[in-house]
Amino acid sequence: MLLSDAIRIRINYYLKKKNMTIWKLYKASGVPKSTLCALMNNTSLPKLDTLHHISEGFNISIREFFNDPMFDETEQD
């Protein structure tokens, strides 16, 4: 699995778990909605600081964000 796919899957997981929309994530994280949409549409790869802000928007640590076995077997895009 590509790293970008795993990141999108994880964001979708937390959107559902936290009952959030992209709009709510934008408001909570400060990451521009256009950046979130580009990430979710697979037209851009996130920077580490963007993932940090997304994690903060979900009220989790970045460690918790990446704490899933699917990240053990990812390939770089």
C-alpha atoms as a PDB file:
ATOM      1  CA  MET A   1       0.000   0.000   0.000  1.00  0.00           C
ATOM      2  CA  LEU A   2       1.241   3.480  -0.771  1.00  0.00           C
ATOM      3  CA  LEU A   3       1.874   5.819   2.133  1.00  0.00           C
ATOM      4  CA  SER A   4      -0.574   8.395   0.710  1.00  0.00           C
ATOM      5  CA  ASP A   5      -3.316   5.746   0.609  1.00  0.00           C
ATOM      6  CA  ALA A   6      -2.654   4.753   4.226  1.00  0.00           C
ATOM      7  CA  ILE A   7      -2.791   8.398   5.320  1.00  0.00           C
ATOM      8  CA  ARG A   8      -6.130   8.919   3.548  1.00  0.00           C
ATOM      9  CA  ILE A   9      -7.529   5.741   5.111  1.00  0.00           C
ATOM     10  CA  ARG A  10      -6.409   6.909   8.544  1.00  0.00           C
ATOM     11  CA  ILE A  11      -7.901  10.378   8.097  1.00  0.00           C
ATOM     12  CA  ASN A  12     -11.192   8.831   6.997  1.00  0.00           C
ATOM     13  CA  TYR A  13     -11.065   6.535  10.031  1.00  0.00           C
ATOM     14  CA  TYR A  14     -10.718   9.470  12.409  1.00  0.00           C
ATOM     15  CA  LEU A  15     -13.296  11.558  10.551  1.00  0.00           C
ATOM     16  CA  LYS A  16     -15.821   8.791  11.183  1.00  0.00           C
ATOM     17  CA  LYS A  17     -14.624   8.032  14.724  1.00  0.00           C
ATOM     18  CA  LYS A  18     -14.787  11.691  15.753  1.00  0.00           C
ATOM     19  CA  ASN A  19     -17.978  12.347  13.746  1.00  0.00           C
ATOM     20  CA  MET A  20     -16.255  15.098  11.778  1.00  0.00           C
ATOM     21  CA  THR A  21     -16.394  16.449   8.248  1.00  0.00           C
ATOM     22  CA  ILE A  22     -13.535  17.961   6.269  1.00  0.00           C
ATOM     23  CA  TRP A  23     -14.989  21.357   7.199  1.00  0.00           C
ATOM     24  CA  LYS A  24     -14.877  20.527  10.926  1.00  0.00           C
ATOM     25  CA  LEU A  25     -11.341  19.189  10.571  1.00  0.00           C
ATOM     26  CA  TYR A  26     -10.314  22.404   8.820  1.00  0.00           C
ATOM     27  CA  LYS A  27     -11.771  24.474  11.652  1.00  0.00           C
ATOM     28  CA  ALA A  28     -10.171  22.299  14.352  1.00  0.00           C
ATOM     29  CA  SER A  29      -6.747  21.902  12.733  1.00  0.00           C
ATOM     30  CA  GLY A  30      -6.192  25.163  10.876  1.00  0.00           C
ATOM     31  CA  VAL A  31      -5.123  23.197   7.801  1.00  0.00           C
ATOM     32  CA  PRO A  32      -6.691  24.922   4.781  1.00  0.00           C
ATOM     33  CA  LYS A  33      -9.723  23.146   3.373  1.00  0.00           C
ATOM     34  CA  SER A  34      -8.102  23.158  -0.066  1.00  0.00           C
ATOM     35  CA  THR A  35      -5.079  21.306   1.363  1.00  0.00           C
ATOM     36  CA  LEU A  36      -7.300  18.728   3.061  1.00  0.00           C
ATOM     37  CA  CYS A  37      -9.319  18.211  -0.132  1.00  0.00           C
ATOM     38  CA  ALA A  38      -6.164  17.847  -2.242  1.00  0.00           C
ATOM     39  CA  LEU A  39      -4.820  15.307   0.226  1.00  0.00           C
ATOM     40  CA  MET A  40      -8.088  13.352   0.252  1.00  0.00           C
ATOM     41  CA  ASN A  41      -8.329  13.471  -3.559  1.00  0.00           C
ATOM     42  CA  ASN A  42      -4.764  12.148  -3.862  1.00  0.00           C
ATOM     43  CA  THR A  43      -3.512  15.229  -5.683  1.00  0.00           C
ATOM     44  CA  SER A  44      -0.919  16.137  -3.055  1.00  0.00           C
ATOM     45  CA  LEU A  45       1.181  14.539  -0.359  1.00  0.00           C
ATOM     46  CA  PRO A  46       1.062  16.047   3.122  1.00  0.00           C
ATOM     47  CA  LYS A  47       4.079  17.459   4.885  1.00  0.00           C
ATOM     48  CA  LEU A  48       4.857  16.245   8.368  1.00  0.00           C
ATOM     49  CA  ASP A  49       3.774  19.545   9.934  1.00  0.00           C
ATOM     50  CA  THR A  50       0.432  19.275   8.121  1.00  0.00           C
ATOM     51  CA  LEU A  51      -0.081  15.798   9.563  1.00  0.00           C
ATOM     52  CA  HIS A  52       0.815  17.163  12.975  1.00  0.00           C
ATOM     53  CA  HIS A  53      -1.894  19.840  12.656  1.00  0.00           C
ATOM     54  CA  ILE A  54      -4.396  17.263  11.400  1.00  0.00           C
ATOM     55  CA  SER A  55      -3.629  15.089  14.431  1.00  0.00           C
ATOM     56  CA  GLU A  56      -4.153  18.079  16.702  1.00  0.00           C
ATOM     57  CA  GLY A  57      -7.479  18.693  14.960  1.00  0.00           C
ATOM     58  CA  PHE A  58      -8.506  15.168  15.878  1.00  0.00           C
ATOM     59  CA  ASN A  59      -7.207  15.788  19.413  1.00  0.00           C
ATOM     60  CA  ILE A  60      -4.723  12.926  19.139  1.00  0.00           C
ATOM     61  CA  SER A  61      -0.937  12.715  18.991  1.00  0.00           C
ATOM     62  CA  ILE A  62       0.842  12.159  15.719  1.00  0.00           C
ATOM     63  CA  ARG A  63       2.100   8.914  17.261  1.00  0.00           C
ATOM     64  CA  GLU A  64      -1.505   7.788  17.705  1.00  0.00           C
ATOM     65  CA  PHE A  65      -2.274   8.786  14.106  1.00  0.00           C
ATOM     66  CA  PHE A  66       0.451   6.460  12.807  1.00  0.00           C
ATOM     67  CA  ASN A  67      -0.232   3.712  15.355  1.00  0.00           C
ATOM     68  CA  ASP A  68      -1.717   1.214  12.934  1.00  0.00           C
ATOM     69  CA  PRO A  69      -0.181  -1.917  11.390  1.00  0.00           C
ATOM     70  CA  MET A  70      -0.913  -0.701   7.860  1.00  0.00           C
ATOM     71  CA  PHE A  71       1.922   1.816   8.231  1.00  0.00           C
ATOM     72  CA  ASP A  72       4.373  -1.050   8.772  1.00  0.00           C
ATOM     73  CA  GLU A  73       3.958  -2.152   5.188  1.00  0.00           C
ATOM     74  CA  THR A  74       3.657   1.083   3.234  1.00  0.00           C
ATOM     75  CA  GLU A  75       5.643   2.061   0.184  1.00  0.00           C
ATOM     76  CA  GLN A  76       6.768   5.539  -0.620  1.00  0.00           C
ATOM     77  CA  ASP A  77       4.782   7.354  -3.315  1.00  0.00           C
END
